[in-house]
Amino acid sequence: MSVTIVNDYRLKAGADKDEAMAAAAELVRDFNDNHPGVQLTLWLEDQYEPLHHFHITVFDDQNAVDKIRSSEGIDRFVKRFYPHMDQATHLAPTCDVWLLDGHGVKKVKFKT
């Protein structure tokens, strides 16, 4: 069964948002490039509160989650992003993700 992790982040007022978003972009690239157990990773910015962000990731299973938690990419992200963070909420329901047509999530390939 896949594992979906949702991180709800709020940046500090006066945070270096460009640096925080560069850290987020680097993390998403790392997930896509180096972790085949990641089915989908999205970084979302609230349109009405630009300091409010969500990071949603769907993993193949708990082993994929455990591998990423100890990765260099996470270490780099924490060092770069966390100084700009005011608060965070972390949710990790163990669930499968289904599209409206009934199919499971397929790996998303991004054009660069």
C-alpha atoms as a PDB file:
ATOM      1  CA  MET A   1       0.000   0.000   0.000  1.00  0.00           C
ATOM      2  CA  SER A   2       1.318   3.443  -0.880  1.00  0.00           C
ATOM      3  CA  VAL A   3       2.059   6.115   1.693  1.00  0.00           C
ATOM      4  CA  THR A   4       0.969   9.712   1.145  1.00  0.00           C
ATOM      5  CA  ILE A   5       2.760  12.423   3.117  1.00  0.00           C
ATOM      6  CA  VAL A   6       1.381  15.938   3.319  1.00  0.00           C
ATOM      7  CA  ASN A   7       3.509  18.688   4.833  1.00  0.00           C
ATOM      8  CA  ASP A   8       1.774  21.978   5.585  1.00  0.00           C
ATOM      9  CA  TYR A   9       4.377  24.756   5.883  1.00  0.00           C
ATOM     10  CA  ARG A  10       4.108  28.408   6.828  1.00  0.00           C
ATOM     11  CA  LEU A  11       7.082  30.655   6.224  1.00  0.00           C
ATOM     12  CA  LYS A  12       8.089  33.364   8.676  1.00  0.00           C
ATOM     13  CA  ALA A  13       7.076  36.922   7.912  1.00  0.00           C
ATOM     14  CA  GLY A  14      10.161  38.474   6.349  1.00  0.00           C
ATOM     15  CA  ALA A  15      11.590  35.075   5.356  1.00  0.00           C
ATOM     16  CA  ASP A  16      13.836  34.852   2.331  1.00  0.00           C
ATOM     17  CA  LYS A  17      11.089  33.308   0.218  1.00  0.00           C
ATOM     18  CA  ASP A  18      13.328  32.958  -2.857  1.00  0.00           C
ATOM     19  CA  GLU A  19      15.809  30.843  -0.872  1.00  0.00           C
ATOM     20  CA  ALA A  20      13.007  28.768   0.674  1.00  0.00           C
ATOM     21  CA  MET A  21      11.459  28.096  -2.749  1.00  0.00           C
ATOM     22  CA  ALA A  22      14.868  27.238  -4.204  1.00  0.00           C
ATOM     23  CA  ALA A  23      15.237  24.638  -1.422  1.00  0.00           C
ATOM     24  CA  ALA A  24      11.755  23.286  -2.233  1.00  0.00           C
ATOM     25  CA  ALA A  25      12.527  23.060  -5.951  1.00  0.00           C
ATOM     26  CA  GLU A  26      15.786  21.251  -5.215  1.00  0.00           C
ATOM     27  CA  LEU A  27      13.921  18.752  -3.013  1.00  0.00           C
ATOM     28  CA  VAL A  28      11.305  18.024  -5.698  1.00  0.00           C
ATOM     29  CA  ARG A  29      14.072  17.556  -8.311  1.00  0.00           C
ATOM     30  CA  ASP A  30      15.901  15.204  -5.939  1.00  0.00           C
ATOM     31  CA  PHE A  31      12.738  13.149  -5.376  1.00  0.00           C
ATOM     32  CA  ASN A  32      12.101  12.909  -9.140  1.00  0.00           C
ATOM     33  CA  ASP A  33      15.704  12.204 -10.123  1.00  0.00           C
ATOM     34  CA  ASN A  34      16.970   9.961  -7.345  1.00  0.00           C
ATOM     35  CA  HIS A  35      14.079   8.130  -5.727  1.00  0.00           C
ATOM     36  CA  PRO A  36      12.205   5.659  -7.939  1.00  0.00           C
ATOM     37  CA  GLY A  37       9.889   4.852  -4.998  1.00  0.00           C
ATOM     38  CA  VAL A  38       8.263   8.294  -5.336  1.00  0.00           C
ATOM     39  CA  GLN A  39       5.123   8.106  -7.472  1.00  0.00           C
ATOM     40  CA  LEU A  40       4.239  11.798  -7.274  1.00  0.00           C
ATOM     41  CA  THR A  41       5.615  14.908  -5.564  1.00  0.00           C
ATOM     42  CA  LEU A  42       3.945  18.323  -5.680  1.00  0.00           C
ATOM     43  CA  TRP A  43       4.795  21.639  -4.065  1.00  0.00           C
ATOM     44  CA  LEU A  44       1.798  23.971  -3.769  1.00  0.00           C
ATOM     45  CA  GLU A  45       1.615  27.664  -2.814  1.00  0.00           C
ATOM     46  CA  ASP A  46      -1.570  29.154  -1.395  1.00  0.00           C
ATOM     47  CA  GLN A  47      -2.795  31.864  -3.801  1.00  0.00           C
ATOM     48  CA  TYR A  48      -4.182  33.996  -0.977  1.00  0.00           C
ATOM     49  CA  GLU A  49      -1.396  33.440   1.561  1.00  0.00           C
ATOM     50  CA  PRO A  50       1.903  33.222  -0.340  1.00  0.00           C
ATOM     51  CA  LEU A  51       3.780  32.228   2.830  1.00  0.00           C
ATOM     52  CA  HIS A  52       1.608  29.100   3.143  1.00  0.00           C
ATOM     53  CA  HIS A  53       2.790  26.009   1.256  1.00  0.00           C
ATOM     54  CA  PHE A  54       1.934  22.335   0.984  1.00  0.00           C
ATOM     55  CA  HIS A  55       4.242  19.522  -0.092  1.00  0.00           C
ATOM     56  CA  ILE A  56       2.410  16.347  -1.089  1.00  0.00           C
ATOM     57  CA  THR A  57       4.310  13.161  -1.901  1.00  0.00           C
ATOM     58  CA  VAL A  58       3.014   9.685  -2.745  1.00  0.00           C
ATOM     59  CA  PHE A  59       5.476   6.844  -2.093  1.00  0.00           C
ATOM     60  CA  ASP A  60       5.296   3.231  -3.276  1.00  0.00           C
ATOM     61  CA  ASP A  61       5.482   1.934   0.299  1.00  0.00           C
ATOM     62  CA  GLN A  62       6.973   2.528   3.745  1.00  0.00           C
ATOM     63  CA  ASN A  63      10.412   1.349   2.575  1.00  0.00           C
ATOM     64  CA  ALA A  64      10.529   4.207   0.052  1.00  0.00           C
ATOM     65  CA  VAL A  65       9.604   6.682   2.823  1.00  0.00           C
ATOM     66  CA  ASP A  66      12.311   5.312   5.125  1.00  0.00           C
ATOM     67  CA  LYS A  67      14.937   5.550   2.375  1.00  0.00           C
ATOM     68  CA  ILE A  68      14.151   9.206   1.680  1.00  0.00           C
ATOM     69  CA  ARG A  69      14.073  10.179   5.361  1.00  0.00           C
ATOM     70  CA  SER A  70      17.760   9.296   5.644  1.00  0.00           C
ATOM     71  CA  SER A  71      18.780  10.817   2.287  1.00  0.00           C
ATOM     72  CA  GLU A  72      21.204  13.651   1.598  1.00  0.00           C
ATOM     73  CA  GLY A  73      18.418  15.460  -0.275  1.00  0.00           C
ATOM     74  CA  ILE A  74      16.312  15.709   2.902  1.00  0.00           C
ATOM     75  CA  ASP A  75      19.348  16.870   4.893  1.00  0.00           C
ATOM     76  CA  ARG A  76      20.034  19.638   2.362  1.00  0.00           C
ATOM     77  CA  PHE A  77      16.364  20.661   2.360  1.00  0.00           C
ATOM     78  CA  VAL A  78      16.164  20.878   6.146  1.00  0.00           C
ATOM     79  CA  LYS A  79      19.311  23.010   6.350  1.00  0.00           C
ATOM     80  CA  ARG A  80      18.107  25.356   3.609  1.00  0.00           C
ATOM     81  CA  PHE A  81      14.354  25.557   4.180  1.00  0.00           C
ATOM     82  CA  TYR A  82      13.833  25.239   7.932  1.00  0.00           C
ATOM     83  CA  PRO A  83      15.473  28.569   8.884  1.00  0.00           C
ATOM     84  CA  HIS A  84      12.669  30.283   6.906  1.00  0.00           C
ATOM     85  CA  MET A  85       9.831  28.193   8.369  1.00  0.00           C
ATOM     86  CA  ASP A  86       7.464  29.510  11.013  1.00  0.00           C
ATOM     87  CA  GLN A  87       5.472  26.307  11.543  1.00  0.00           C
ATOM     88  CA  ALA A  88       4.821  22.923   9.976  1.00  0.00           C
ATOM     89  CA  THR A  89       2.253  20.144  10.201  1.00  0.00           C
ATOM     90  CA  HIS A  90       3.066  16.656   8.947  1.00  0.00           C
ATOM     91  CA  LEU A  91       0.406  14.082   7.997  1.00  0.00           C
ATOM     92  CA  ALA A  92       1.241  10.587   6.778  1.00  0.00           C
ATOM     93  CA  PRO A  93      -1.839   8.470   6.123  1.00  0.00           C
ATOM     94  CA  THR A  94      -1.141   5.034   4.693  1.00  0.00           C
ATOM     95  CA  CYS A  95      -3.463   4.948   1.732  1.00  0.00           C
ATOM     96  CA  ASP A  96      -3.677   4.339  -1.966  1.00  0.00           C
ATOM     97  CA  VAL A  97      -4.275   7.260  -4.307  1.00  0.00           C
ATOM     98  CA  TRP A  98      -6.784   6.822  -7.126  1.00  0.00           C
ATOM     99  CA  LEU A  99      -7.641   9.027 -10.031  1.00  0.00           C
ATOM    100  CA  LEU A 100     -11.276   9.686 -10.908  1.00  0.00           C
ATOM    101  CA  ASP A 101     -11.142   7.146 -13.708  1.00  0.00           C
ATOM    102  CA  GLY A 102     -10.270   4.448 -11.133  1.00  0.00           C
ATOM    103  CA  HIS A 103      -6.604   4.027 -12.011  1.00  0.00           C
ATOM    104  CA  GLY A 104      -3.778   4.392  -9.520  1.00  0.00           C
ATOM    105  CA  VAL A 105      -1.374   7.301  -9.788  1.00  0.00           C
ATOM    106  CA  LYS A 106       1.219   6.901 -12.514  1.00  0.00           C
ATOM    107  CA  LYS A 107       4.713   8.363 -12.220  1.00  0.00           C
ATOM    108  CA  VAL A 108       4.720  11.940 -13.533  1.00  0.00           C
ATOM    109  CA  LYS A 109       7.559  12.926 -15.878  1.00  0.00           C
ATOM    110  CA  PHE A 110       8.382  16.616 -16.018  1.00  0.00           C
ATOM    111  CA  LYS A 111       9.883  18.343 -19.017  1.00  0.00           C
ATOM    112  CA  THR A 112      13.008  20.336 -18.253  1.00  0.00           C
END
